[in-house]
Amino acid sequence: MLPQYKADQLMFWQTLLPSAALIPLTMSQLMVAGAAPVYMVIAGILGVGFFCCSARLALRKSKGAARRTLMASIFYLPLIFFVLLLAIH
């Protein structure tokens, strides 16, 4: 079993790194798929919102923050996909 401080550090990095990586990856669709600039704005808002939920979970480590992050992750991908479908020319 990991000591508590190492488990906290692991959760911190496992939560923040992937959510931070999603922001530039979703923005890259502007160049790759030819999405409209409105996609970049909406994807940026959704990405920052998801990152904020992840940061809250990494810092607070509460059940409420975990539930909000779970709900954000459930809604994030379908919303991004829907916006991308609407934004492609």
Foldseek 3Di string as FASTA:
>chain_A
DDPPVVVLVVLLCVLQVVLVVQLVVLLCCCVVQVFAVVLNVVSNVLSVVLNVLSNCCSPVVDPVSVVVNVVSVVPSVVVSVVNRVVGRD
